[in-house]
Amino acid sequence: MTEQHHHDHAGHDHAGHRAAEHHGHQHSAHAGGPGKVSWRTAASATLHCLTGCAIGEVLGLVIATALGWTTAPSIALAVVLAFFFGYLLTLLPLRKAGVSWGTAIKLALAADTVSIIVMEIVDNGVMLVIPGAMDAGLTSGLFWGALAVALGVAFVVTTPINKWIIGRGKGHAVVHAYHH
């Protein structure tokens, strides 16, 4: 949206619009109340979560491989870092918006925990069932291909879950008010 369009839009009377029509997405669902949530909104929230998870997973697996760790500790480190970066990507914009650390942490935990748990179960499960993926080195196409498939499957599985959660006024819906 252009600066001029946003300025013109901000200056007109909103009385004739439903809240859900403002900026083309459903504020009622984001603002904490139940409502219809678009697949685009759910996919956006899931992609946000996937980004943090992917950063943590890759970093964890790179560190674990460099240290010569076996599968179980490698996955444990990747999961811990996935949660860390998943929460961090929610915390930073909240802090930038002036939200206190305590409130920002509570909001991040409420917004991202279920999504990250589902994503981690799915993507690590996929990595474990692809033969040789966890034993493949970082220079192996098998490793990176399996990781891409695992993250893709996690995105597909987690998006409808996030859609349902956001529609109930939970998950990403609890931090949406701070994004503006």
N, C-alpha and C. Protein backbone atom coordinates (compact mmCIF):
# COMPACT_ATOMS: atom_id res chain seq x y z
N MET A 1 0.85 -1.16 0.00
CA MET A 1 0.00 0.00 0.00
C MET A 1 0.90 1.23 0.00
N THR A 2 0.61 2.16 -0.86
CA THR A 2 1.45 3.34 -0.95
C THR A 2 1.19 4.26 0.22
N GLU A 3 2.17 5.11 0.50
CA GLU A 3 2.04 6.08 1.60
C GLU A 3 0.81 6.95 1.38
N GLN A 4 0.62 7.45 0.14
CA GLN A 4 -0.52 8.32 -0.16
C GLN A 4 -1.83 7.57 0.02
N HIS A 5 -1.89 6.33 -0.48
CA HIS A 5 -3.12 5.55 -0.34
C HIS A 5 -3.44 5.33 1.13
N HIS A 6 -2.42 4.98 1.92
CA HIS A 6 -2.64 4.76 3.35
C HIS A 6 -3.13 6.04 4.01
N HIS A 7 -2.54 7.19 3.65
CA HIS A 7 -2.97 8.46 4.21
C HIS A 7 -4.42 8.75 3.83
N ASP A 8 -4.76 8.54 2.56
CA ASP A 8 -6.14 8.77 2.12
C ASP A 8 -7.10 7.81 2.82
N HIS A 9 -6.68 6.56 2.97
CA HIS A 9 -7.51 5.56 3.61
C HIS A 9 -7.74 5.91 5.08
N ALA A 10 -6.70 6.38 5.73
CA ALA A 10 -6.81 6.69 7.16
C ALA A 10 -7.75 7.86 7.40
N GLY A 11 -7.91 8.73 6.41
CA GLY A 11 -8.72 9.92 6.61
C GLY A 11 -10.20 9.73 6.36
N HIS A 12 -10.64 8.57 5.86
CA HIS A 12 -12.07 8.44 5.60
C HIS A 12 -12.79 7.74 6.74
N ASP A 13 -14.09 7.87 6.75
CA ASP A 13 -14.93 7.34 7.81
C ASP A 13 -15.02 5.82 7.71
N HIS A 14 -14.70 5.12 8.79
CA HIS A 14 -14.75 3.67 8.82
C HIS A 14 -16.09 3.14 9.28
N ALA A 15 -17.04 4.00 9.58
CA ALA A 15 -18.32 3.56 10.14
C ALA A 15 -19.07 2.61 9.22
N GLY A 16 -18.89 2.75 7.91
CA GLY A 16 -19.61 1.90 6.97
C GLY A 16 -18.92 0.59 6.68
N HIS A 17 -17.78 0.33 7.27
CA HIS A 17 -17.03 -0.90 7.02
C HIS A 17 -17.13 -1.83 8.20
N ARG A 18 -17.17 -3.11 7.89
CA ARG A 18 -17.04 -4.10 8.96
C ARG A 18 -15.57 -4.17 9.33
N ALA A 19 -15.28 -4.50 10.56
CA ALA A 19 -13.89 -4.58 11.03
C ALA A 19 -13.09 -5.57 10.19
N ALA A 20 -13.73 -6.64 9.75
CA ALA A 20 -13.03 -7.67 9.00
C ALA A 20 -12.60 -7.20 7.62
N GLU A 21 -13.15 -6.11 7.12
CA GLU A 21 -12.79 -5.63 5.80
C GLU A 21 -11.58 -4.69 5.82
N HIS A 22 -11.20 -4.18 6.95
CA HIS A 22 -10.12 -3.21 7.06
C HIS A 22 -8.80 -3.83 6.59
N HIS A 23 -8.17 -3.25 5.61
CA HIS A 23 -6.91 -3.71 5.03
C HIS A 23 -6.98 -5.12 4.48
N GLY A 24 -8.18 -5.64 4.21
CA GLY A 24 -8.32 -6.91 3.52
C GLY A 24 -8.05 -8.13 4.37
N HIS A 25 -7.97 -7.99 5.67
CA HIS A 25 -7.83 -9.19 6.49
C HIS A 25 -8.71 -9.09 7.73
N GLN A 26 -8.83 -10.19 8.41
CA GLN A 26 -9.80 -10.32 9.48
C GLN A 26 -9.26 -9.86 10.82
N HIS A 27 -9.50 -8.61 11.16
CA HIS A 27 -9.05 -8.11 12.46
C HIS A 27 -9.78 -8.80 13.61
N SER A 28 -11.03 -9.18 13.41
CA SER A 28 -11.77 -9.80 14.50
C SER A 28 -11.08 -11.07 14.98
N ALA A 29 -10.55 -11.84 14.06
CA ALA A 29 -9.85 -13.06 14.45
C ALA A 29 -8.50 -12.74 15.08
N HIS A 30 -7.83 -11.71 14.59
CA HIS A 30 -6.53 -11.36 15.14
C HIS A 30 -6.64 -10.68 16.49
N ALA A 31 -7.71 -9.96 16.71
CA ALA A 31 -7.82 -9.14 17.91
C ALA A 31 -8.19 -9.93 19.15
N GLY A 32 -8.30 -11.21 19.04
CA GLY A 32 -8.56 -12.02 20.21
C GLY A 32 -9.94 -12.65 20.20
N GLY A 33 -10.80 -12.27 19.28
CA GLY A 33 -12.12 -12.85 19.21
C GLY A 33 -12.17 -13.89 18.12
N PRO A 34 -13.14 -14.80 18.22
CA PRO A 34 -13.26 -15.81 17.18
C PRO A 34 -13.73 -15.15 15.89
N GLY A 35 -13.33 -15.71 14.79
CA GLY A 35 -13.74 -15.17 13.50
C GLY A 35 -13.18 -16.01 12.38
N LYS A 36 -13.59 -15.65 11.18
CA LYS A 36 -13.11 -16.34 10.00
C LYS A 36 -11.69 -15.88 9.70
N VAL A 37 -10.82 -16.83 9.46
CA VAL A 37 -9.42 -16.54 9.20
C VAL A 37 -9.10 -17.03 7.79
N SER A 38 -8.43 -16.20 7.02
CA SER A 38 -8.07 -16.59 5.66
C SER A 38 -6.91 -17.58 5.69
N TRP A 39 -6.82 -18.36 4.62
CA TRP A 39 -5.68 -19.26 4.48
C TRP A 39 -4.39 -18.46 4.35
N ARG A 40 -4.49 -17.27 3.75
CA ARG A 40 -3.32 -16.41 3.61
C ARG A 40 -2.78 -16.00 4.98
N THR A 41 -3.67 -15.64 5.88
CA THR A 41 -3.27 -15.26 7.24
C THR A 41 -2.62 -16.44 7.95
N ALA A 42 -3.23 -17.61 7.83
CA ALA A 42 -2.69 -18.81 8.46
C ALA A 42 -1.33 -19.17 7.87
N ALA A 43 -1.21 -19.07 6.56
CA ALA A 43 0.06 -19.38 5.90
C ALA A 43 1.14 -18.39 6.31
N SER A 44 0.78 -17.12 6.44
CA SER A 44 1.74 -16.10 6.87
C SER A 44 2.25 -16.39 8.27
N ALA A 45 1.34 -16.73 9.19
CA ALA A 45 1.74 -17.06 10.56
C ALA A 45 2.62 -18.31 10.57
N THR A 46 2.27 -19.28 9.74
CA THR A 46 3.04 -20.52 9.68
C THR A 46 4.42 -20.27 9.08
N LEU A 47 4.49 -19.43 8.06
CA LEU A 47 5.77 -19.11 7.46
C LEU A 47 6.67 -18.38 8.46
N HIS A 48 6.09 -17.53 9.27
CA HIS A 48 6.84 -16.84 10.33
C HIS A 48 7.45 -17.87 11.27
N CYS A 49 6.63 -18.82 11.67
CA CYS A 49 7.09 -19.88 12.58
C CYS A 49 8.14 -20.75 11.89
N LEU A 50 7.89 -21.10 10.63
CA LEU A 50 8.80 -21.94 9.88
C LEU A 50 10.17 -21.29 9.74
N THR A 51 10.20 -19.98 9.57
CA THR A 51 11.47 -19.26 9.44
C THR A 51 12.33 -19.44 10.69
N GLY A 52 11.73 -19.19 11.85
CA GLY A 52 12.47 -19.36 13.10
C GLY A 52 12.89 -20.80 13.31
N CYS A 53 11.98 -21.73 13.02
CA CYS A 53 12.30 -23.15 13.18
C CYS A 53 13.43 -23.56 12.24
N ALA A 54 13.37 -23.11 11.01
CA ALA A 54 14.39 -23.49 10.03
C ALA A 54 15.76 -22.95 10.43
N ILE A 55 15.81 -21.70 10.89
CA ILE A 55 17.09 -21.13 11.34
C ILE A 55 17.65 -21.98 12.48
N GLY A 56 16.83 -22.29 13.46
CA GLY A 56 17.27 -23.08 14.59
C GLY A 56 17.67 -24.49 14.21
N GLU A 57 16.88 -25.11 13.35
CA GLU A 57 17.18 -26.49 12.93
C GLU A 57 18.50 -26.56 12.18
N VAL A 58 18.66 -25.68 11.21
CA VAL A 58 19.89 -25.70 10.42
C VAL A 58 21.10 -25.41 11.30
N LEU A 59 21.01 -24.37 12.12
CA LEU A 59 22.13 -24.03 13.00
C LEU A 59 22.43 -25.19 13.95
N GLY A 60 21.39 -25.78 14.53
CA GLY A 60 21.59 -26.90 15.45
C GLY A 60 22.24 -28.09 14.78
N LEU A 61 21.79 -28.41 13.57
CA LEU A 61 22.36 -29.55 12.87
C LEU A 61 23.79 -29.27 12.39
N VAL A 62 24.06 -28.03 12.01
CA VAL A 62 25.42 -27.66 11.62
C VAL A 62 26.36 -27.80 12.83
N ILE A 63 25.95 -27.27 13.97
CA ILE A 63 26.78 -27.36 15.18
C ILE A 63 26.98 -28.82 15.58
N ALA A 64 25.88 -29.58 15.59
CA ALA A 64 25.96 -30.98 16.02
C ALA A 64 26.84 -31.80 15.07
N THR A 65 26.72 -31.53 13.78
CA THR A 65 27.56 -32.26 12.81
C THR A 65 29.03 -31.90 13.00
N ALA A 66 29.30 -30.60 13.20
CA ALA A 66 30.68 -30.16 13.40
C ALA A 66 31.29 -30.79 14.65
N LEU A 67 30.44 -31.04 15.65
CA LEU A 67 30.93 -31.65 16.90
C LEU A 67 30.90 -33.17 16.86
N GLY A 68 30.38 -33.74 15.75
CA GLY A 68 30.34 -35.18 15.61
C GLY A 68 29.29 -35.87 16.47
N TRP A 69 28.23 -35.17 16.80
CA TRP A 69 27.18 -35.74 17.65
C TRP A 69 26.36 -36.78 16.91
N THR A 70 25.75 -37.67 17.68
CA THR A 70 24.84 -38.67 17.13
C THR A 70 23.45 -38.05 16.93
N THR A 71 22.51 -38.84 16.43
CA THR A 71 21.18 -38.35 16.06
C THR A 71 20.42 -37.71 17.22
N ALA A 72 20.32 -38.38 18.34
CA ALA A 72 19.49 -37.87 19.45
C ALA A 72 19.95 -36.49 19.95
N PRO A 73 21.22 -36.31 20.29
CA PRO A 73 21.62 -34.97 20.74
C PRO A 73 21.54 -33.93 19.61
N SER A 74 21.75 -34.36 18.37
CA SER A 74 21.62 -33.43 17.24
C SER A 74 20.21 -32.88 17.14
N ILE A 75 19.23 -33.78 17.24
CA ILE A 75 17.83 -33.36 17.18
C ILE A 75 17.49 -32.49 18.39
N ALA A 76 17.98 -32.87 19.56
CA ALA A 76 17.70 -32.08 20.76
C ALA A 76 18.20 -30.65 20.60
N LEU A 77 19.43 -30.48 20.12
CA LEU A 77 19.96 -29.13 19.93
C LEU A 77 19.16 -28.37 18.87
N ALA A 78 18.83 -29.05 17.78
CA ALA A 78 18.06 -28.41 16.71
C ALA A 78 16.69 -27.95 17.22
N VAL A 79 16.04 -28.75 18.04
CA VAL A 79 14.73 -28.40 18.57
C VAL A 79 14.84 -27.21 19.53
N VAL A 80 15.83 -27.24 20.42
CA VAL A 80 16.03 -26.13 21.36
C VAL A 80 16.26 -24.83 20.58
N LEU A 81 17.11 -24.88 19.57
CA LEU A 81 17.39 -23.67 18.79
C LEU A 81 16.19 -23.26 17.94
N ALA A 82 15.40 -24.23 17.48
CA ALA A 82 14.19 -23.89 16.73
C ALA A 82 13.22 -23.10 17.61
N PHE A 83 13.04 -23.55 18.84
CA PHE A 83 12.18 -22.80 19.77
C PHE A 83 12.76 -21.41 20.04
N PHE A 84 14.08 -21.36 20.28
CA PHE A 84 14.72 -20.08 20.57
C PHE A 84 14.50 -19.09 19.43
N PHE A 85 14.82 -19.49 18.21
CA PHE A 85 14.67 -18.56 17.08
C PHE A 85 13.21 -18.32 16.72
N GLY A 86 12.36 -19.32 16.91
CA GLY A 86 10.93 -19.11 16.68
C GLY A 86 10.38 -18.03 17.60
N TYR A 87 10.71 -18.13 18.88
CA TYR A 87 10.27 -17.11 19.84
C TYR A 87 10.95 -15.77 19.58
N LEU A 88 12.23 -15.81 19.23
CA LEU A 88 12.97 -14.57 18.99
C LEU A 88 12.34 -13.75 17.86
N LEU A 89 11.89 -14.42 16.81
CA LEU A 89 11.28 -13.70 15.69
C LEU A 89 9.94 -13.06 16.07
N THR A 90 9.35 -13.50 17.16
CA THR A 90 8.15 -12.84 17.67
C THR A 90 8.54 -11.76 18.69
N LEU A 91 9.53 -12.06 19.51
CA LEU A 91 9.95 -11.10 20.55
C LEU A 91 10.50 -9.79 19.99
N LEU A 92 11.33 -9.87 18.98
CA LEU A 92 11.98 -8.66 18.47
C LEU A 92 10.99 -7.59 18.00
N PRO A 93 9.99 -7.93 17.17
CA PRO A 93 9.03 -6.89 16.77
C PRO A 93 8.19 -6.39 17.95
N LEU A 94 7.89 -7.25 18.90
CA LEU A 94 7.13 -6.81 20.08
C LEU A 94 7.94 -5.81 20.90
N ARG A 95 9.22 -6.11 21.11
CA ARG A 95 10.07 -5.18 21.85
C ARG A 95 10.23 -3.87 21.09
N LYS A 96 10.37 -3.96 19.76
CA LYS A 96 10.48 -2.76 18.94
C LYS A 96 9.21 -1.91 19.04
N ALA A 97 8.07 -2.56 19.26
CA ALA A 97 6.80 -1.85 19.40
C ALA A 97 6.62 -1.28 20.81
N GLY A 98 7.62 -1.49 21.69
CA GLY A 98 7.57 -0.92 23.03
C GLY A 98 6.96 -1.81 24.09
N VAL A 99 6.73 -3.08 23.77
CA VAL A 99 6.16 -4.02 24.73
C VAL A 99 7.27 -4.43 25.71
N SER A 100 6.94 -4.49 27.00
CA SER A 100 7.92 -4.88 28.02
C SER A 100 8.39 -6.31 27.78
N TRP A 101 9.58 -6.63 28.31
CA TRP A 101 10.11 -7.99 28.15
C TRP A 101 9.14 -9.04 28.68
N GLY A 102 8.60 -8.81 29.89
CA GLY A 102 7.70 -9.79 30.49
C GLY A 102 6.47 -10.05 29.63
N THR A 103 5.84 -8.98 29.16
CA THR A 103 4.66 -9.12 28.32
C THR A 103 5.02 -9.73 26.97
N ALA A 104 6.15 -9.31 26.40
CA ALA A 104 6.59 -9.84 25.11
C ALA A 104 6.84 -11.35 25.19
N ILE A 105 7.47 -11.79 26.27
CA ILE A 105 7.73 -13.23 26.43
C ILE A 105 6.42 -14.00 26.56
N LYS A 106 5.49 -13.49 27.37
CA LYS A 106 4.19 -14.15 27.51
C LYS A 106 3.46 -14.22 26.17
N LEU A 107 3.49 -13.12 25.40
CA LEU A 107 2.83 -13.10 24.10
C LEU A 107 3.49 -14.08 23.13
N ALA A 108 4.81 -14.12 23.12
CA ALA A 108 5.52 -15.05 22.23
C ALA A 108 5.21 -16.50 22.58
N LEU A 109 5.19 -16.81 23.86
CA LEU A 109 4.86 -18.17 24.29
C LEU A 109 3.44 -18.54 23.86
N ALA A 110 2.51 -17.61 24.06
CA ALA A 110 1.11 -17.86 23.68
C ALA A 110 0.95 -17.96 22.16
N ALA A 111 1.69 -17.14 21.44
CA ALA A 111 1.53 -17.09 19.99
C ALA A 111 2.16 -18.27 19.27
N ASP A 112 3.28 -18.75 19.74
CA ASP A 112 4.09 -19.65 18.92
C ASP A 112 4.24 -21.08 19.43
N THR A 113 3.94 -21.34 20.67
CA THR A 113 4.27 -22.65 21.25
C THR A 113 3.64 -23.82 20.51
N VAL A 114 2.34 -23.79 20.29
CA VAL A 114 1.67 -24.92 19.63
C VAL A 114 2.21 -25.10 18.22
N SER A 115 2.35 -24.00 17.51
CA SER A 115 2.84 -24.05 16.13
C SER A 115 4.25 -24.65 16.07
N ILE A 116 5.12 -24.22 16.95
CA ILE A 116 6.50 -24.74 16.95
C ILE A 116 6.51 -26.22 17.34
N ILE A 117 5.72 -26.60 18.32
CA ILE A 117 5.67 -28.01 18.71
C ILE A 117 5.26 -28.89 17.54
N VAL A 118 4.17 -28.51 16.87
CA VAL A 118 3.70 -29.30 15.73
C VAL A 118 4.77 -29.35 14.64
N MET A 119 5.33 -28.18 14.34
CA MET A 119 6.33 -28.12 13.28
C MET A 119 7.54 -28.99 13.61
N GLU A 120 7.99 -28.96 14.84
CA GLU A 120 9.16 -29.74 15.23
C GLU A 120 8.89 -31.24 15.20
N ILE A 121 7.73 -31.64 15.66
CA ILE A 121 7.38 -33.07 15.61
C ILE A 121 7.35 -33.55 14.17
N VAL A 122 6.70 -32.77 13.31
CA VAL A 122 6.57 -33.18 11.91
C VAL A 122 7.91 -33.17 11.19
N ASP A 123 8.64 -32.05 11.26
CA ASP A 123 9.86 -32.01 10.45
C ASP A 123 10.93 -32.97 10.96
N ASN A 124 11.05 -33.13 12.25
CA ASN A 124 12.02 -34.11 12.76
C ASN A 124 11.57 -35.53 12.46
N GLY A 125 10.27 -35.77 12.53
CA GLY A 125 9.74 -37.09 12.17
C GLY A 125 10.03 -37.44 10.72
N VAL A 126 9.85 -36.48 9.83
CA VAL A 126 10.15 -36.71 8.41
C VAL A 126 11.64 -36.99 8.22
N MET A 127 12.47 -36.20 8.88
CA MET A 127 13.92 -36.43 8.76
C MET A 127 14.31 -37.83 9.24
N LEU A 128 13.63 -38.30 10.28
CA LEU A 128 13.96 -39.62 10.82
C LEU A 128 13.49 -40.76 9.91
N VAL A 129 12.41 -40.55 9.16
CA VAL A 129 11.90 -41.64 8.32
C VAL A 129 12.53 -41.68 6.93
N ILE A 130 13.21 -40.61 6.53
CA ILE A 130 13.91 -40.64 5.24
C ILE A 130 15.24 -41.37 5.46
N PRO A 131 15.39 -42.53 4.83
CA PRO A 131 16.59 -43.34 5.06
C PRO A 131 17.89 -42.57 4.82
N GLY A 132 18.75 -42.56 5.84
CA GLY A 132 20.07 -41.96 5.74
C GLY A 132 20.13 -40.45 5.91
N ALA A 133 18.98 -39.78 6.04
CA ALA A 133 18.97 -38.31 6.10
C ALA A 133 19.72 -37.79 7.31
N MET A 134 19.53 -38.38 8.46
CA MET A 134 20.18 -37.88 9.67
C MET A 134 21.67 -38.23 9.71
N ASP A 135 22.07 -39.23 8.94
CA ASP A 135 23.49 -39.61 8.91
C ASP A 135 24.24 -38.95 7.77
N ALA A 136 23.50 -38.31 6.87
CA ALA A 136 24.13 -37.64 5.73
C ALA A 136 24.86 -36.40 6.22
N GLY A 137 25.96 -36.10 5.63
CA GLY A 137 26.74 -34.92 6.03
C GLY A 137 26.13 -33.64 5.47
N LEU A 138 26.64 -32.52 5.98
CA LEU A 138 26.13 -31.21 5.55
C LEU A 138 26.42 -30.90 4.10
N THR A 139 27.35 -31.61 3.50
CA THR A 139 27.65 -31.40 2.09
C THR A 139 26.85 -32.33 1.19
N SER A 140 25.98 -33.12 1.79
CA SER A 140 25.20 -34.10 1.05
C SER A 140 23.88 -33.51 0.54
N GLY A 141 23.58 -33.79 -0.70
CA GLY A 141 22.28 -33.40 -1.26
C GLY A 141 21.14 -34.10 -0.55
N LEU A 142 21.39 -35.33 -0.08
CA LEU A 142 20.36 -36.07 0.65
C LEU A 142 19.94 -35.31 1.91
N PHE A 143 20.92 -34.80 2.65
CA PHE A 143 20.60 -34.06 3.87
C PHE A 143 19.74 -32.84 3.56
N TRP A 144 20.21 -32.00 2.64
CA TRP A 144 19.51 -30.74 2.35
C TRP A 144 18.17 -30.98 1.66
N GLY A 145 18.11 -32.00 0.81
CA GLY A 145 16.84 -32.35 0.17
C GLY A 145 15.83 -32.86 1.19
N ALA A 146 16.30 -33.72 2.09
CA ALA A 146 15.42 -34.25 3.13
C ALA A 146 14.94 -33.13 4.05
N LEU A 147 15.84 -32.21 4.39
CA LEU A 147 15.45 -31.09 5.25
C LEU A 147 14.42 -30.20 4.56
N ALA A 148 14.60 -29.95 3.28
CA ALA A 148 13.62 -29.14 2.53
C ALA A 148 12.26 -29.83 2.50
N VAL A 149 12.26 -31.14 2.25
CA VAL A 149 11.00 -31.89 2.25
C VAL A 149 10.37 -31.86 3.65
N ALA A 150 11.19 -32.07 4.67
CA ALA A 150 10.68 -32.09 6.05
C ALA A 150 10.05 -30.74 6.42
N LEU A 151 10.71 -29.63 6.09
CA LEU A 151 10.16 -28.32 6.41
C LEU A 151 8.90 -28.04 5.58
N GLY A 152 8.89 -28.50 4.33
CA GLY A 152 7.70 -28.34 3.49
C GLY A 152 6.50 -29.10 4.05
N VAL A 153 6.72 -30.34 4.46
CA VAL A 153 5.65 -31.13 5.06
C VAL A 153 5.17 -30.48 6.36
N ALA A 154 6.11 -29.99 7.16
CA ALA A 154 5.75 -29.32 8.41
C ALA A 154 4.88 -28.10 8.13
N PHE A 155 5.21 -27.33 7.10
CA PHE A 155 4.41 -26.16 6.73
C PHE A 155 2.99 -26.57 6.35
N VAL A 156 2.87 -27.60 5.52
CA VAL A 156 1.56 -28.06 5.05
C VAL A 156 0.71 -28.58 6.22
N VAL A 157 1.32 -29.30 7.14
CA VAL A 157 0.58 -29.84 8.29
C VAL A 157 0.22 -28.74 9.29
N THR A 158 1.12 -27.79 9.51
CA THR A 158 0.92 -26.77 10.54
C THR A 158 -0.03 -25.66 10.11
N THR A 159 -0.11 -25.34 8.83
CA THR A 159 -0.96 -24.23 8.37
C THR A 159 -2.43 -24.40 8.78
N PRO A 160 -3.06 -25.53 8.52
CA PRO A 160 -4.47 -25.64 8.95
C PRO A 160 -4.64 -25.60 10.47
N ILE A 161 -3.65 -26.07 11.19
CA ILE A 161 -3.70 -26.00 12.65
C ILE A 161 -3.64 -24.54 13.08
N ASN A 162 -2.73 -23.77 12.48
CA ASN A 162 -2.66 -22.34 12.80
C ASN A 162 -3.94 -21.61 12.40
N LYS A 163 -4.53 -22.00 11.28
CA LYS A 163 -5.80 -21.38 10.85
C LYS A 163 -6.87 -21.58 11.92
N TRP A 164 -6.95 -22.78 12.44
CA TRP A 164 -7.94 -23.09 13.47
C TRP A 164 -7.63 -22.32 14.76
N ILE A 165 -6.35 -22.30 15.15
CA ILE A 165 -5.95 -21.61 16.39
C ILE A 165 -6.21 -20.11 16.29
N ILE A 166 -5.82 -19.50 15.18
CA ILE A 166 -6.03 -18.06 14.99
C ILE A 166 -7.51 -17.74 14.96
N GLY A 167 -8.30 -18.59 14.34
CA GLY A 167 -9.76 -18.40 14.29
C GLY A 167 -10.40 -18.41 15.68
N ARG A 168 -9.74 -19.04 16.62
CA ARG A 168 -10.23 -19.07 18.00
C ARG A 168 -9.67 -17.91 18.83
N GLY A 169 -8.93 -17.00 18.15
CA GLY A 169 -8.37 -15.84 18.85
C GLY A 169 -7.10 -16.17 19.61
N LYS A 170 -6.47 -17.28 19.27
CA LYS A 170 -5.24 -17.72 19.95
C LYS A 170 -4.07 -17.68 18.97
N GLY A 171 -2.91 -18.18 19.40
CA GLY A 171 -1.75 -18.26 18.53
C GLY A 171 -1.32 -16.88 18.05
N HIS A 172 -1.07 -16.78 16.75
CA HIS A 172 -0.60 -15.53 16.15
C HIS A 172 -1.58 -14.38 16.38
N ALA A 173 -2.85 -14.69 16.61
CA ALA A 173 -3.86 -13.64 16.82
C ALA A 173 -3.51 -12.78 18.04
N VAL A 174 -2.84 -13.33 19.02
CA VAL A 174 -2.57 -12.55 20.24
C VAL A 174 -1.50 -11.48 20.06
N VAL A 175 -0.67 -11.60 19.02
CA VAL A 175 0.37 -10.59 18.81
C VAL A 175 0.04 -9.64 17.66
N HIS A 176 -1.02 -9.93 16.92
CA HIS A 176 -1.33 -9.12 15.74
C HIS A 176 -1.54 -7.65 16.05
N ALA A 177 -2.14 -7.34 17.17
CA ALA A 177 -2.42 -5.94 17.52
C ALA A 177 -1.14 -5.12 17.66
N TYR A 178 -0.02 -5.78 17.93
CA TYR A 178 1.25 -5.07 18.12
C TYR A 178 2.02 -4.89 16.82
N HIS A 179 1.53 -5.47 15.73
CA HIS A 179 2.24 -5.40 14.45
C HIS A 179 2.04 -4.08 13.74
N HIS A 180 1.17 -3.23 14.22
CA HIS A 180 0.88 -1.98 13.49
C HIS A 180 1.58 -0.81 14.13
